[in-house]
Amino acid sequence: MAVIEFVQNYNDLSTDQGFQFRFHCDHCGNGFQSTYVANKAGVAGDLLRAAGGFLGGILGNVGNSSYEIQRAVGGPMHDRALQAAVAEIKPLFNQCHRCGTWVCRQICWNPGQNLCKQCAPLLGEEVGAAQAAAMVNQVRERAAAVDQTQGANVTDQRSAHCTGCGADTGGSRFCPQCGTPVIQKRRCGSCGKESDASVRFCPDCGGRM
């Protein structure tokens, strides 16, 4: 039997009832499934097991033994089925002569360069991707340049949870559950000195807190 190639990235879906294989692209992961081929020996074993159920005795034991053997799905019949599946699916893939990977022709192949897109990206796709990335970066820069805090006080040190009852404060100045003050520290707007929330005037410069 000839050597079976193109088997690096595939799933064997075969059972005692038949043979089937799923092949995947080494790049994008997309794949194709081969045509299901019935396992004649497996079907025969199943029928023999059914006959044993009717007749009982030694025939039933023989049927069960044949069924278990066929569940292994190995041997020449499996190899022939795999070889046929490779021949069926292989035209849907190309092997890159630069990196050696098998890739799907529809998504990951550059026909102009006769290489996979990993080794020879398509110019149009790269331009589109670069433009999209640039737009995202520009949106982030513009958003960062605009004050998004909506007037929130970011100088006072606040507690996210009430020190008295543990409730979520939600950014308020007093706990909505027990009324405990949320602001723990205040920073002077003139000199930047940090003081307790109870202080009304800065102890360093005298500015109003």
Foldseek 3Di string as FASTA:
>chain_A
DDDADDDPAKDWPDFLQWTKIWGAFPPPGDIDIFDTDTDPQSVVLVVQCVVCVVVPDPSNVVSVVSNVVSRVVDDDVRVVVSNVRCVVGVVQWDAAPPPGGIGGPPPFADVVVRGGCVVPNDPVVVVVVVVVVVVVVVVVVVVVVDDPPVPQDPQFDFDQADPPPRHGQVSDQARPPPGHGGGQWGADPPPRDIDGPPDQADPPPRHGD
